[in-house]
Structure formats: structure tokens, C-alpha cells
C-alpha atoms as a PDB file:
ATOM      1  CA  UNK A   1     -21.692   1.205  15.445  1.00  0.00           C
ATOM      2  CA  UNK A   2     -20.198   4.365  13.970  1.00  0.00           C
ATOM      3  CA  UNK A   3     -18.259   4.953  17.189  1.00  0.00           C
ATOM      4  CA  UNK A   4     -16.831   1.420  16.920  1.00  0.00           C
ATOM      5  CA  UNK A   5     -15.811   2.021  13.310  1.00  0.00           C
ATOM      6  CA  UNK A   6     -14.140   5.311  14.239  1.00  0.00           C
ATOM      7  CA  UNK A   7     -12.299   3.653  17.124  1.00  0.00           C
ATOM      8  CA  UNK A   8     -11.006   0.847  14.904  1.00  0.00           C
ATOM      9  CA  UNK A   9      -9.892   3.347  12.274  1.00  0.00           C
ATOM     10  CA  UNK A  10      -8.033   5.364  14.913  1.00  0.00           C
ATOM     11  CA  UNK A  11      -6.266   2.189  16.056  1.00  0.00           C
ATOM     12  CA  UNK A  12      -5.211   1.313  12.517  1.00  0.00           C
ATOM     13  CA  UNK A  13      -4.019   4.855  11.797  1.00  0.00           C
ATOM     14  CA  UNK A  14      -2.044   4.752  15.053  1.00  0.00           C
ATOM     15  CA  UNK A  15      -0.418   1.486  13.940  1.00  0.00           C
ATOM     16  CA  UNK A  16       0.526   3.095  10.614  1.00  0.00           C
ATOM     17  CA  UNK A  17       2.032   5.971  12.592  1.00  0.00           C
ATOM     18  CA  UNK A  18       3.984   3.461  14.671  1.00  0.00           C
ATOM     19  CA  UNK A  19       5.522   1.898  11.548  1.00  0.00           C
ATOM     20  CA  UNK A  20       6.485   5.358  10.302  1.00  0.00           C
ATOM     21  CA  UNK A  21       8.038   6.219  13.658  1.00  0.00           C
ATOM     22  CA  UNK A  22      10.074   3.014  13.427  1.00  0.00           C
ATOM     23  CA  UNK A  23      11.301   4.126  10.005  1.00  0.00           C
ATOM     24  CA  UNK A  24      12.265   7.511  11.448  1.00  0.00           C
ATOM     25  CA  UNK A  25      14.216   6.006  14.331  1.00  0.00           C
ATOM     26  CA  UNK A  26      16.133   3.654  12.066  1.00  0.00           C
ATOM     27  CA  UNK A  27      16.854   6.504   9.657  1.00  0.00           C
ATOM     28  CA  UNK A  28      18.351   8.526  12.505  1.00  0.00           C
ATOM     29  CA  UNK A  29      20.614   5.577  13.312  1.00  0.00           C
ATOM     30  CA  UNK A  30      21.830   5.410   9.709  1.00  0.00           C
ATOM     31  CA  UNK A  31      25.072   7.418   9.897  1.00  0.00           C
ATOM     32  CA  UNK A  32      25.677   6.926   6.161  1.00  0.00           C
ATOM     33  CA  UNK A  33      22.589   8.942   5.249  1.00  0.00           C
ATOM     34  CA  UNK A  34      23.679  12.559   4.757  1.00  0.00           C
ATOM     35  CA  UNK A  35      20.059  13.689   4.966  1.00  0.00           C
ATOM     36  CA  UNK A  36      19.185  11.586   7.992  1.00  0.00           C
ATOM     37  CA  UNK A  37      17.945  14.547  10.075  1.00  0.00           C
ATOM     38  CA  UNK A  38      15.578  15.697   7.341  1.00  0.00           C
ATOM     39  CA  UNK A  39      14.423  12.152   6.631  1.00  0.00           C
ATOM     40  CA  UNK A  40      13.923  11.500  10.343  1.00  0.00           C
ATOM     41  CA  UNK A  41      11.817  14.674  10.579  1.00  0.00           C
ATOM     42  CA  UNK A  42       9.774  13.562   7.573  1.00  0.00           C
ATOM     43  CA  UNK A  43       8.903  10.169   9.051  1.00  0.00           C
ATOM     44  CA  UNK A  44       8.230  11.494  12.554  1.00  0.00           C
ATOM     45  CA  UNK A  45       5.947  14.241  11.268  1.00  0.00           C
ATOM     46  CA  UNK A  46       4.038  11.695   9.201  1.00  0.00           C
ATOM     47  CA  UNK A  47       3.835   9.384  12.219  1.00  0.00           C
ATOM     48  CA  UNK A  48       2.362  12.176  14.344  1.00  0.00           C
ATOM     49  CA  UNK A  49      -0.156  13.121  11.630  1.00  0.00           C
ATOM     50  CA  UNK A  50      -1.356   9.541  11.179  1.00  0.00           C
ATOM     51  CA  UNK A  51      -1.425   8.638  14.871  1.00  0.00           C
ATOM     52  CA  UNK A  52      -2.738  11.879  16.380  1.00  0.00           C
ATOM     53  CA  UNK A  53      -4.332  13.682  13.417  1.00  0.00           C
ATOM     54  CA  UNK A  54      -7.702  14.103  15.142  1.00  0.00           C
ATOM     55  CA  UNK A  55      -6.131  15.402  18.356  1.00  0.00           C
ATOM     56  CA  UNK A  56      -3.920  18.173  17.004  1.00  0.00           C
ATOM     57  CA  UNK A  57      -5.098  21.491  15.487  1.00  0.00           C
ATOM     58  CA  UNK A  58      -5.432  21.654  11.714  1.00  0.00           C
ATOM     59  CA  UNK A  59      -2.898  24.456  11.424  1.00  0.00           C
ATOM     60  CA  UNK A  60      -0.279  22.303  13.154  1.00  0.00           C
ATOM     61  CA  UNK A  61      -0.935  19.510  10.657  1.00  0.00           C
ATOM     62  CA  UNK A  62      -0.719  21.998   7.798  1.00  0.00           C
ATOM     63  CA  UNK A  63       2.569  23.374   9.132  1.00  0.00           C
ATOM     64  CA  UNK A  64       4.081  19.898   9.338  1.00  0.00           C
ATOM     65  CA  UNK A  65       2.980  19.122   5.765  1.00  0.00           C
ATOM     66  CA  UNK A  66       4.509  22.415   4.628  1.00  0.00           C
ATOM     67  CA  UNK A  67       7.812  21.518   6.323  1.00  0.00           C
ATOM     68  CA  UNK A  68       7.702  18.093   4.652  1.00  0.00           C
ATOM     69  CA  UNK A  69       7.299  19.846   1.302  1.00  0.00           C
ATOM     70  CA  UNK A  70      10.290  22.092   2.019  1.00  0.00           C
ATOM     71  CA  UNK A  71      12.389  19.069   2.989  1.00  0.00           C
ATOM     72  CA  UNK A  72      11.451  17.333  -0.274  1.00  0.00           C
ATOM     73  CA  UNK A  73      12.203  20.496  -2.269  1.00  0.00           C
ATOM     74  CA  UNK A  74      15.736  20.685  -0.905  1.00  0.00           C
ATOM     75  CA  UNK A  75      16.300  16.906  -1.249  1.00  0.00           C
ATOM     76  CA  UNK A  76      16.506  16.341   2.480  1.00  0.00           C
ATOM     77  CA  UNK A  77      14.478  13.129   2.319  1.00  0.00           C
ATOM     78  CA  UNK A  78      16.703  10.221   1.301  1.00  0.00           C
ATOM     79  CA  UNK A  79      16.168   6.491   1.649  1.00  0.00           C
ATOM     80  CA  UNK A  80      19.678   5.879   2.957  1.00  0.00           C
ATOM     81  CA  UNK A  81      21.205   2.483   3.600  1.00  0.00           C
ATOM     82  CA  UNK A  82      18.624  -0.251   4.087  1.00  0.00           C
ATOM     83  CA  UNK A  83      19.131  -3.612   5.811  1.00  0.00           C
ATOM     84  CA  UNK A  84      20.215  -6.193   3.257  1.00  0.00           C
ATOM     85  CA  UNK A  85      18.149  -9.267   2.570  1.00  0.00           C
ATOM     86  CA  UNK A  86      19.951 -12.533   3.205  1.00  0.00           C
ATOM     87  CA  UNK A  87      19.743 -14.034  -0.287  1.00  0.00           C
ATOM     88  CA  UNK A  88      20.505 -17.546   0.910  1.00  0.00           C
ATOM     89  CA  UNK A  89      17.744 -17.441   3.519  1.00  0.00           C
ATOM     90  CA  UNK A  90      15.347 -15.848   1.030  1.00  0.00           C
ATOM     91  CA  UNK A  91      15.958 -18.534  -1.594  1.00  0.00           C
ATOM     92  CA  UNK A  92      15.592 -21.328   0.952  1.00  0.00           C
ATOM     93  CA  UNK A  93      12.367 -19.797   2.223  1.00  0.00           C
ATOM     94  CA  UNK A  94      10.985 -19.333  -1.291  1.00  0.00           C
ATOM     95  CA  UNK A  95      11.800 -22.941  -2.143  1.00  0.00           C
ATOM     96  CA  UNK A  96      10.176 -24.194   1.059  1.00  0.00           C
ATOM     97  CA  UNK A  97       7.027 -22.104   0.728  1.00  0.00           C
ATOM     98  CA  UNK A  98       6.498 -22.323  -3.018  1.00  0.00           C
ATOM     99  CA  UNK A  99       3.095 -20.924  -4.011  1.00  0.00           C
ATOM    100  CA  UNK A 100       2.209 -20.444  -0.333  1.00  0.00           C
ATOM    101  CA  UNK A 101       4.179 -17.198  -0.462  1.00  0.00           C
ATOM    102  CA  UNK A 102       1.112 -15.618  -2.125  1.00  0.00           C
ATOM    103  CA  UNK A 103      -1.283 -16.654   0.650  1.00  0.00           C
ATOM    104  CA  UNK A 104      -0.886 -13.485   2.795  1.00  0.00           C
ATOM    105  CA  UNK A 105      -1.771 -11.281  -0.191  1.00  0.00           C
ATOM    106  CA  UNK A 106      -4.800 -13.432  -0.983  1.00  0.00           C
ATOM    107  CA  UNK A 107      -5.919 -13.411   2.657  1.00  0.00           C
ATOM    108  CA  UNK A 108      -5.547  -9.618   2.814  1.00  0.00           C
ATOM    109  CA  UNK A 109      -7.807  -9.142  -0.204  1.00  0.00           C
ATOM    110  CA  UNK A 110     -10.297 -11.847   0.788  1.00  0.00           C
ATOM    111  CA  UNK A 111     -10.722 -10.705   4.402  1.00  0.00           C
ATOM    112  CA  UNK A 112     -11.024  -7.071   3.319  1.00  0.00           C
ATOM    113  CA  UNK A 113     -13.817  -7.920   0.863  1.00  0.00           C
ATOM    114  CA  UNK A 114     -15.664 -10.152   3.322  1.00  0.00           C
ATOM    115  CA  UNK A 115     -15.581  -7.527   6.074  1.00  0.00           C
ATOM    116  CA  UNK A 116     -16.644  -4.766   3.688  1.00  0.00           C
ATOM    117  CA  UNK A 117     -19.493  -6.771   2.130  1.00  0.00           C
ATOM    118  CA  UNK A 118     -20.901  -8.780   5.049  1.00  0.00           C
ATOM    119  CA  UNK A 119     -20.348  -6.528   8.078  1.00  0.00           C
ATOM    120  CA  UNK A 120     -21.278  -2.912   8.836  1.00  0.00           C
ATOM    121  CA  UNK A 121     -17.618  -2.045   9.472  1.00  0.00           C
ATOM    122  CA  UNK A 122     -16.929  -0.862   5.921  1.00  0.00           C
ATOM    123  CA  UNK A 123     -14.023  -1.094   3.499  1.00  0.00           C
ATOM    124  CA  UNK A 124     -11.431   0.923   5.412  1.00  0.00           C
ATOM    125  CA  UNK A 125     -11.758  -1.193   8.537  1.00  0.00           C
ATOM    126  CA  UNK A 126     -11.837  -4.274   6.314  1.00  0.00           C
ATOM    127  CA  UNK A 127      -8.465  -3.395   4.817  1.00  0.00           C
ATOM    128  CA  UNK A 128      -7.022  -2.895   8.294  1.00  0.00           C
ATOM    129  CA  UNK A 129      -8.316  -6.235   9.551  1.00  0.00           C
ATOM    130  CA  UNK A 130      -7.164  -7.925   6.353  1.00  0.00           C
ATOM    131  CA  UNK A 131      -3.673  -6.485   6.744  1.00  0.00           C
ATOM    132  CA  UNK A 132      -3.412  -7.727  10.322  1.00  0.00           C
ATOM    133  CA  UNK A 133      -4.571 -11.216   9.315  1.00  0.00           C
ATOM    134  CA  UNK A 134      -2.078 -11.242   6.430  1.00  0.00           C
ATOM    135  CA  UNK A 135       0.774 -10.206   8.732  1.00  0.00           C
ATOM    136  CA  UNK A 136      -0.058 -12.920  11.273  1.00  0.00           C
ATOM    137  CA  UNK A 137      -0.259 -15.526   8.501  1.00  0.00           C
ATOM    138  CA  UNK A 138       3.064 -14.356   7.020  1.00  0.00           C
ATOM    139  CA  UNK A 139       4.768 -14.692  10.407  1.00  0.00           C
ATOM    140  CA  UNK A 140       3.306 -18.184  10.832  1.00  0.00           C
ATOM    141  CA  UNK A 141       4.304 -19.342   7.340  1.00  0.00           C
ATOM    142  CA  UNK A 142       7.841 -17.975   7.467  1.00  0.00           C
ATOM    143  CA  UNK A 143       8.425 -18.992  11.114  1.00  0.00           C
ATOM    144  CA  UNK A 144      10.168 -15.689  11.663  1.00  0.00           C
ATOM    145  CA  UNK A 145      10.783 -13.825  14.910  1.00  0.00           C
ATOM    146  CA  UNK A 146       9.804 -10.381  16.201  1.00  0.00           C
ATOM    147  CA  UNK A 147      13.173  -8.860  15.334  1.00  0.00           C
ATOM    148  CA  UNK A 148      12.873  -9.887  11.690  1.00  0.00           C
ATOM    149  CA  UNK A 149       9.318  -8.542  11.516  1.00  0.00           C
ATOM    150  CA  UNK A 150      10.576  -5.212  12.834  1.00  0.00           C
ATOM    151  CA  UNK A 151      13.559  -5.135  10.440  1.00  0.00           C
ATOM    152  CA  UNK A 152      11.556  -6.018   7.342  1.00  0.00           C
ATOM    153  CA  UNK A 153       8.708  -3.663   8.255  1.00  0.00           C
ATOM    154  CA  UNK A 154      10.893  -0.593   8.695  1.00  0.00           C
ATOM    155  CA  UNK A 155      12.964  -1.553   5.636  1.00  0.00           C
ATOM    156  CA  UNK A 156       9.865  -1.647   3.450  1.00  0.00           C
ATOM    157  CA  UNK A 157       8.491   1.625   4.829  1.00  0.00           C
ATOM    158  CA  UNK A 158      11.830   3.406   4.405  1.00  0.00           C
ATOM    159  CA  UNK A 159      12.289   2.093   0.863  1.00  0.00           C
ATOM    160  CA  UNK A 160       9.151   3.969  -0.197  1.00  0.00           C
ATOM    161  CA  UNK A 161      10.605   7.304   0.903  1.00  0.00           C
ATOM    162  CA  UNK A 162       8.863  10.596   0.166  1.00  0.00           C
ATOM    163  CA  UNK A 163       6.600   8.914  -2.394  1.00  0.00           C
ATOM    164  CA  UNK A 164       4.674   7.445   0.540  1.00  0.00           C
ATOM    165  CA  UNK A 165       2.825  10.692   1.147  1.00  0.00           C
ATOM    166  CA  UNK A 166       1.951  11.319  -2.511  1.00  0.00           C
ATOM    167  CA  UNK A 167      -1.397   9.403  -2.655  1.00  0.00           C
ATOM    168  CA  UNK A 168      -2.763  11.384   0.310  1.00  0.00           C
ATOM    169  CA  UNK A 169      -1.655  14.712  -1.161  1.00  0.00           C
ATOM    170  CA  UNK A 170      -3.116  13.878  -4.581  1.00  0.00           C
ATOM    171  CA  UNK A 171      -6.449  12.834  -3.068  1.00  0.00           C
ATOM    172  CA  UNK A 172      -6.544  16.128  -1.159  1.00  0.00           C
ATOM    173  CA  UNK A 173      -5.721  17.991  -4.375  1.00  0.00           C
ATOM    174  CA  UNK A 174      -8.762  16.434  -6.039  1.00  0.00           C
ATOM    175  CA  UNK A 175     -11.007  17.733  -3.253  1.00  0.00           C
ATOM    176  CA  UNK A 176      -9.473  21.190  -3.566  1.00  0.00           C
ATOM    177  CA  UNK A 177      -9.991  21.198  -7.356  1.00  0.00           C
ATOM    178  CA  UNK A 178     -13.636  20.176  -6.970  1.00  0.00           C
ATOM    179  CA  UNK A 179     -14.309  22.752  -4.250  1.00  0.00           C
ATOM    180  CA  UNK A 180     -12.707  25.517  -6.318  1.00  0.00           C
ATOM    181  CA  UNK A 181     -14.945  24.769  -9.298  1.00  0.00           C
ATOM    182  CA  UNK A 182     -12.312  23.397 -11.666  1.00  0.00           C
ATOM    183  CA  UNK A 183     -14.905  20.992 -13.065  1.00  0.00           C
ATOM    184  CA  UNK A 184     -17.298  23.791 -14.024  1.00  0.00           C
ATOM    185  CA  UNK A 185     -14.476  25.828 -15.529  1.00  0.00           C
ATOM    186  CA  UNK A 186     -13.335  22.840 -17.602  1.00  0.00           C
ATOM    187  CA  UNK A 187     -16.911  22.164 -18.733  1.00  0.00           C
ATOM    188  CA  UNK A 188     -17.318  25.749 -19.927  1.00  0.00           C
ATOM    189  CA  UNK A 189     -14.010  25.551 -21.799  1.00  0.00           C
ATOM    190  CA  UNK A 190     -14.842  22.304 -23.594  1.00  0.00           C
ATOM    191  CA  UNK A 191     -18.397  23.398 -24.417  1.00  0.00           C
ATOM    192  CA  UNK A 192     -16.964  26.150 -26.614  1.00  0.00           C
ATOM    193  CA  UNK A 193     -14.644  23.746 -28.453  1.00  0.00           C
ATOM    194  CA  UNK A 194     -16.543  20.465 -28.848  1.00  0.00           C
ATOM    195  CA  UNK A 195     -20.219  20.205 -29.868  1.00  0.00           C
ATOM    196  CA  UNK A 196     -22.596  18.137 -27.744  1.00  0.00           C
ATOM    197  CA  UNK A 197     -24.826  15.457 -29.206  1.00  0.00           C
ATOM    198  CA  UNK A 198     -22.180  13.257 -30.844  1.00  0.00           C
ATOM    199  CA  UNK A 199     -22.076  10.101 -28.738  1.00  0.00           C
ATOM    200  CA  UNK A 200     -18.737   8.800 -30.013  1.00  0.00           C
ATOM    201  CA  UNK A 201     -17.011  12.172 -29.652  1.00  0.00           C
ATOM    202  CA  UNK A 202     -18.377  12.567 -26.122  1.00  0.00           C
ATOM    203  CA  UNK A 203     -17.193   9.098 -25.092  1.00  0.00           C
ATOM    204  CA  UNK A 204     -13.716   9.583 -26.578  1.00  0.00           C
ATOM    205  CA  UNK A 205     -13.422  13.013 -24.953  1.00  0.00           C
ATOM    206  CA  UNK A 206     -14.483  11.713 -21.553  1.00  0.00           C
ATOM    207  CA  UNK A 207     -12.332   8.566 -21.512  1.00  0.00           C
ATOM    208  CA  UNK A 208      -9.202  10.273 -22.851  1.00  0.00           C
ATOM    209  CA  UNK A 209      -9.665  13.218 -20.469  1.00  0.00           C
ATOM    210  CA  UNK A 210      -9.971  10.822 -17.525  1.00  0.00           C
ATOM    211  CA  UNK A 211      -6.718   9.122 -18.538  1.00  0.00           C
ATOM    212  CA  UNK A 212      -4.886  12.429 -19.117  1.00  0.00           C
ATOM    213  CA  UNK A 213      -6.088  14.087 -15.913  1.00  0.00           C
ATOM    214  CA  UNK A 214      -5.221  10.958 -13.943  1.00  0.00           C
ATOM    215  CA  UNK A 215      -1.777  11.050 -15.557  1.00  0.00           C
ATOM    216  CA  UNK A 216      -1.355  14.611 -14.280  1.00  0.00           C
ATOM    217  CA  UNK A 217      -2.725  14.002 -10.790  1.00  0.00           C
ATOM    218  CA  UNK A 218      -1.629  10.398 -10.341  1.00  0.00           C
ATOM    219  CA  UNK A 219      -4.982   9.478  -8.825  1.00  0.00           C
ATOM    220  CA  UNK A 220      -8.083   8.358 -10.738  1.00  0.00           C
ATOM    221  CA  UNK A 221     -10.334   9.084  -7.753  1.00  0.00           C
ATOM    222  CA  UNK A 222      -9.197  12.699  -7.690  1.00  0.00           C
ATOM    223  CA  UNK A 223      -9.658  13.024 -11.458  1.00  0.00           C
ATOM    224  CA  UNK A 224     -13.079  11.348 -11.458  1.00  0.00           C
ATOM    225  CA  UNK A 225     -14.994  14.088  -9.651  1.00  0.00           C
ATOM    226  CA  UNK A 226     -13.533  16.872 -11.783  1.00  0.00           C
ATOM    227  CA  UNK A 227     -13.698  15.227 -15.221  1.00  0.00           C
ATOM    228  CA  UNK A 228     -17.100  13.580 -14.690  1.00  0.00           C
ATOM    229  CA  UNK A 229     -18.628  16.915 -13.680  1.00  0.00           C
ATOM    230  CA  UNK A 230     -16.883  18.721 -16.532  1.00  0.00           C
ATOM    231  CA  UNK A 231     -17.205  16.222 -19.383  1.00  0.00           C
ATOM    232  CA  UNK A 232     -18.901  12.985 -18.354  1.00  0.00           C
ATOM    233  CA  UNK A 233     -22.242  14.523 -17.373  1.00  0.00           C
ATOM    234  CA  UNK A 234     -22.738  17.138 -20.147  1.00  0.00           C
ATOM    235  CA  UNK A 235     -21.121  15.234 -23.028  1.00  0.00           C
ATOM    236  CA  UNK A 236     -22.158  11.631 -22.237  1.00  0.00           C
ATOM    237  CA  UNK A 237     -24.785  11.206 -19.510  1.00  0.00           C
ATOM    238  CA  UNK A 238     -26.881  14.218 -20.575  1.00  0.00           C
ATOM    239  CA  UNK A 239     -26.868  12.813 -24.108  1.00  0.00           C
ATOM    240  CA  UNK A 240     -28.555   9.591 -22.948  1.00  0.00           C
ATOM    241  CA  UNK A 241     -25.645   7.573 -21.539  1.00  0.00           C
ATOM    242  CA  UNK A 242     -26.382   5.139 -18.703  1.00  0.00           C
ATOM    243  CA  UNK A 243     -24.899   6.813 -15.570  1.00  0.00           C
ATOM    244  CA  UNK A 244     -23.824   3.523 -13.957  1.00  0.00           C
ATOM    245  CA  UNK A 245     -22.034   2.302 -17.086  1.00  0.00           C
ATOM    246  CA  UNK A 246     -20.460   5.693 -17.773  1.00  0.00           C
ATOM    247  CA  UNK A 247     -19.185   6.083 -14.211  1.00  0.00           C
ATOM    248  CA  UNK A 248     -17.753   2.553 -13.973  1.00  0.00           C
ATOM    249  CA  UNK A 249     -15.979   2.614 -17.341  1.00  0.00           C
ATOM    250  CA  UNK A 250     -14.906   6.217 -16.854  1.00  0.00           C
ATOM    251  CA  UNK A 251     -13.096   5.282 -13.665  1.00  0.00           C
ATOM    252  CA  UNK A 252     -11.419   2.359 -15.430  1.00  0.00           C
ATOM    253  CA  UNK A 253     -10.306   4.739 -18.172  1.00  0.00           C
ATOM    254  CA  UNK A 254      -8.644   6.824 -15.495  1.00  0.00           C
ATOM    255  CA  UNK A 255      -6.715   3.779 -14.346  1.00  0.00           C
ATOM    256  CA  UNK A 256      -5.187   3.608 -17.834  1.00  0.00           C
ATOM    257  CA  UNK A 257      -3.576   6.954 -17.034  1.00  0.00           C
ATOM    258  CA  UNK A 258      -2.461   5.584 -13.675  1.00  0.00           C
ATOM    259  CA  UNK A 259      -0.342   2.978 -15.457  1.00  0.00           C
ATOM    260  CA  UNK A 260       1.507   5.700 -17.373  1.00  0.00           C
ATOM    261  CA  UNK A 261       2.468   8.246 -14.724  1.00  0.00           C
ATOM    262  CA  UNK A 262       5.236   8.418 -12.105  1.00  0.00           C
ATOM    263  CA  UNK A 263       2.799  10.465 -10.019  1.00  0.00           C
ATOM    264  CA  UNK A 264       1.018   7.194  -9.172  1.00  0.00           C
ATOM    265  CA  UNK A 265       3.560   6.347  -6.510  1.00  0.00           C
ATOM    266  CA  UNK A 266       1.897   3.202  -5.184  1.00  0.00           C
ATOM    267  CA  UNK A 267       1.683   1.675  -8.686  1.00  0.00           C
ATOM    268  CA  UNK A 268       4.801   2.854 -10.467  1.00  0.00           C
ATOM    269  CA  UNK A 269       7.292   4.353  -8.004  1.00  0.00           C
ATOM    270  CA  UNK A 270       6.919   1.903  -5.136  1.00  0.00           C
ATOM    271  CA  UNK A 271       7.810  -1.204  -7.219  1.00  0.00           C
ATOM    272  CA  UNK A 272      10.919   0.580  -8.523  1.00  0.00           C
ATOM    273  CA  UNK A 273      12.010   1.313  -4.955  1.00  0.00           C
ATOM    274  CA  UNK A 274      11.200  -2.124  -3.560  1.00  0.00           C
ATOM    275  CA  UNK A 275      12.847  -3.988  -6.445  1.00  0.00           C
ATOM    276  CA  UNK A 276      15.805  -1.554  -6.513  1.00  0.00           C
ATOM    277  CA  UNK A 277      15.396  -1.086 -10.265  1.00  0.00           C
ATOM    278  CA  UNK A 278      17.980   1.041 -12.060  1.00  0.00           C
ATOM    279  CA  UNK A 279      15.491   2.372 -14.618  1.00  0.00           C
ATOM    280  CA  UNK A 280      13.114   4.679 -12.728  1.00  0.00           C
ATOM    281  CA  UNK A 281      10.629   4.466 -15.617  1.00  0.00           C
ATOM    282  CA  UNK A 282      10.987   0.700 -16.064  1.00  0.00           C
ATOM    283  CA  UNK A 283       7.547  -0.186 -14.694  1.00  0.00           C
ATOM    284  CA  UNK A 284       5.813   2.472 -16.792  1.00  0.00           C
ATOM    285  CA  UNK A 285       7.589   1.363 -19.971  1.00  0.00           C
ATOM    286  CA  UNK A 286       6.302  -2.176 -19.489  1.00  0.00           C
ATOM    287  CA  UNK A 287       2.760  -0.995 -18.758  1.00  0.00           C
ATOM    288  CA  UNK A 288       2.433   1.646 -21.500  1.00  0.00           C
ATOM    289  CA  UNK A 289       1.327  -0.633 -24.398  1.00  0.00           C
ATOM    290  CA  UNK A 290      -1.246  -2.382 -22.195  1.00  0.00           C
ATOM    291  CA  UNK A 291      -2.566   0.964 -20.911  1.00  0.00           C
ATOM    292  CA  UNK A 292      -3.117   2.320 -24.426  1.00  0.00           C
ATOM    293  CA  UNK A 293      -4.848  -0.873 -25.580  1.00  0.00           C
ATOM    294  CA  UNK A 294      -7.066  -0.874 -22.485  1.00  0.00           C
ATOM    295  CA  UNK A 295      -8.044   2.764 -23.040  1.00  0.00           C
ATOM    296  CA  UNK A 296      -9.181   1.977 -26.583  1.00  0.00           C
ATOM    297  CA  UNK A 297     -11.158  -0.989 -25.242  1.00  0.00           C
ATOM    298  CA  UNK A 298     -12.816   1.218 -22.581  1.00  0.00           C
ATOM    299  CA  UNK A 299     -13.874   3.711 -25.252  1.00  0.00           C
ATOM    300  CA  UNK A 300     -15.479   0.916 -27.263  1.00  0.00           C
ATOM    301  CA  UNK A 301     -17.216  -0.561 -24.227  1.00  0.00           C
ATOM    302  CA  UNK A 302     -18.662   2.767 -23.118  1.00  0.00           C
ATOM    303  CA  UNK A 303     -19.895   3.620 -26.602  1.00  0.00           C
ATOM    304  CA  UNK A 304     -21.684   0.300 -27.117  1.00  0.00           C
ATOM    305  CA  UNK A 305     -22.889  -0.328 -23.544  1.00  0.00           C
ATOM    306  CA  UNK A 306     -23.858   3.116 -22.313  1.00  0.00           C
ATOM    307  CA  UNK A 307     -26.292   3.973 -25.124  1.00  0.00           C
END
């Protein structure tokens, strides 16, 4: 079964690489993009990494990531001119579909959960299968053709730009931090500043630290391992907190930081790019009050439920 799972994952990663290659080709055709060579290189390198990551040496992958970083540093990755959406066609389609326009998103989530929960294939394969089902349903509902699928797919991928690689890099950074002992170092630092034994202080320290570290890293999963080892275990769990409750609410506290940081590309940068918003911080500004309220709620829930 594991070999089947690995094969399916390789197929899905190859498909992701194909979409990125499409974005690279269309970028190269965009004569108006002054950084089209750098942007083309960015997308092609990413396509190769996703599609053939297990077949190429690690140092080659590392070199390509380094080059991508250099391209980003010198602003050689630009979105360029994207295909325009036909507003008349879009409005007619929206009017015709109505609430059905949300069906592909619902099917994606539903199929992913069903595959993850009721088959041995797991969550990653479930997301891949769900995405394919959602795409097929979207094509059926919109009665579109292959050319439009290609155009809209590469337009969406290109609109993300360099932010598309940020979640992977941040997740890798979390692993590096954990391996290097950042959690232990942080625990030693806090143990000299804050006394253990105070339940409320421990909960506040843990939840706020999760939100702040997630704000810095842009990824609650990356922050969770470091902050839980450094603060959650010694200041909350070791003081009698229920590990399951502490872990679940601690992760949710991290998500409050996700809502506040531009580092969370998939939450806060991607919508700005897709909606072509003028205010780069517009999404974060709308989410900030909710994030702060939710963090306070998480602190209260952990304090009353974990002990």
C-alpha cells in the first residue's frame, strides 16, 4: 500500500510541476515582462523540483533553490502581464451558476476528508484526488474548453509569483530550527525570566508565543514544534495541563498569528494577488481585530479546559 501511496504522490507532484512549467512558458512569451528570463527560470526550476525531486541529487535541488533566492533578491521574479478575464462572460457565468460556483471547493474539501478518513491513502493523496475531482466538476459546470482551462490555470499560478514557494521554505525552516535545538535554547531563556507553576501565566506565555512565532515564520506548523518544546511542555503540560487540549488550542493560537503576517503567503499574500488589490496589507487589516479576539478566546479556553 505504501508503494501505491508514494506512486500517487509522485503523480500529483508531477502534475504540480506541469502547471508550473506552463507558467514558465507563458512568462517567457510575455514580452512586456522585463524580468521574464528570471521569472521563467524561477518557474522552470520549481517545476523540475516538484516533478523530479526524488530523481535528482540533493545538492542540485539546493543549488536551484539558492538561484531562486538570488533571483528574488534582485527582483528578477515578476508576475508580468496576465490574461484578462472577460468580465461579460464572467458575470453571465456567475448569474447562470449562482451558488453552484462554490460546489468545486466543497467537493475538494469533502473528497479530501473522505479519502483521508476512510481509506489508507492518507491526507496528502486525499487532497490530490479532491483537487482533480473539483477541477473536473468545475469544467463540467462552466462548460469550458481545454484552452480556457490552460489559460486560467497558468494565469492563477503566475499571479501567485514568488510567494508560491514561501510555505515550503517556511516548513523547512521549522525543521531546521527544531534540529538545531532552538526549542531547548528558547526554553532555557524563558525559564530564567518566567517562573513555572502559574497556570494562567504559562497559558498566556504559550499562546502568545505561538502567535508571535507564527507571525515571524508565517507557518503555525513550523512554530508548533519549537514553541511547544520550549514553552508548552515545561510551562503548561508539565504543570498538569491536558496534552491533547494544550496541543490543539496551541496550534489554533498559532493560526491567530497567521492572520496577521504577510509571511503567510497562502492566506494573506495570495488573495491580494488574485484579487489585484491595491493595498498589499488589505487582507491583514481586515483580519487583525478577529485574530486578536480569537487569541484571547484561545487563552481562556486553554486555561479552563486544560486544567
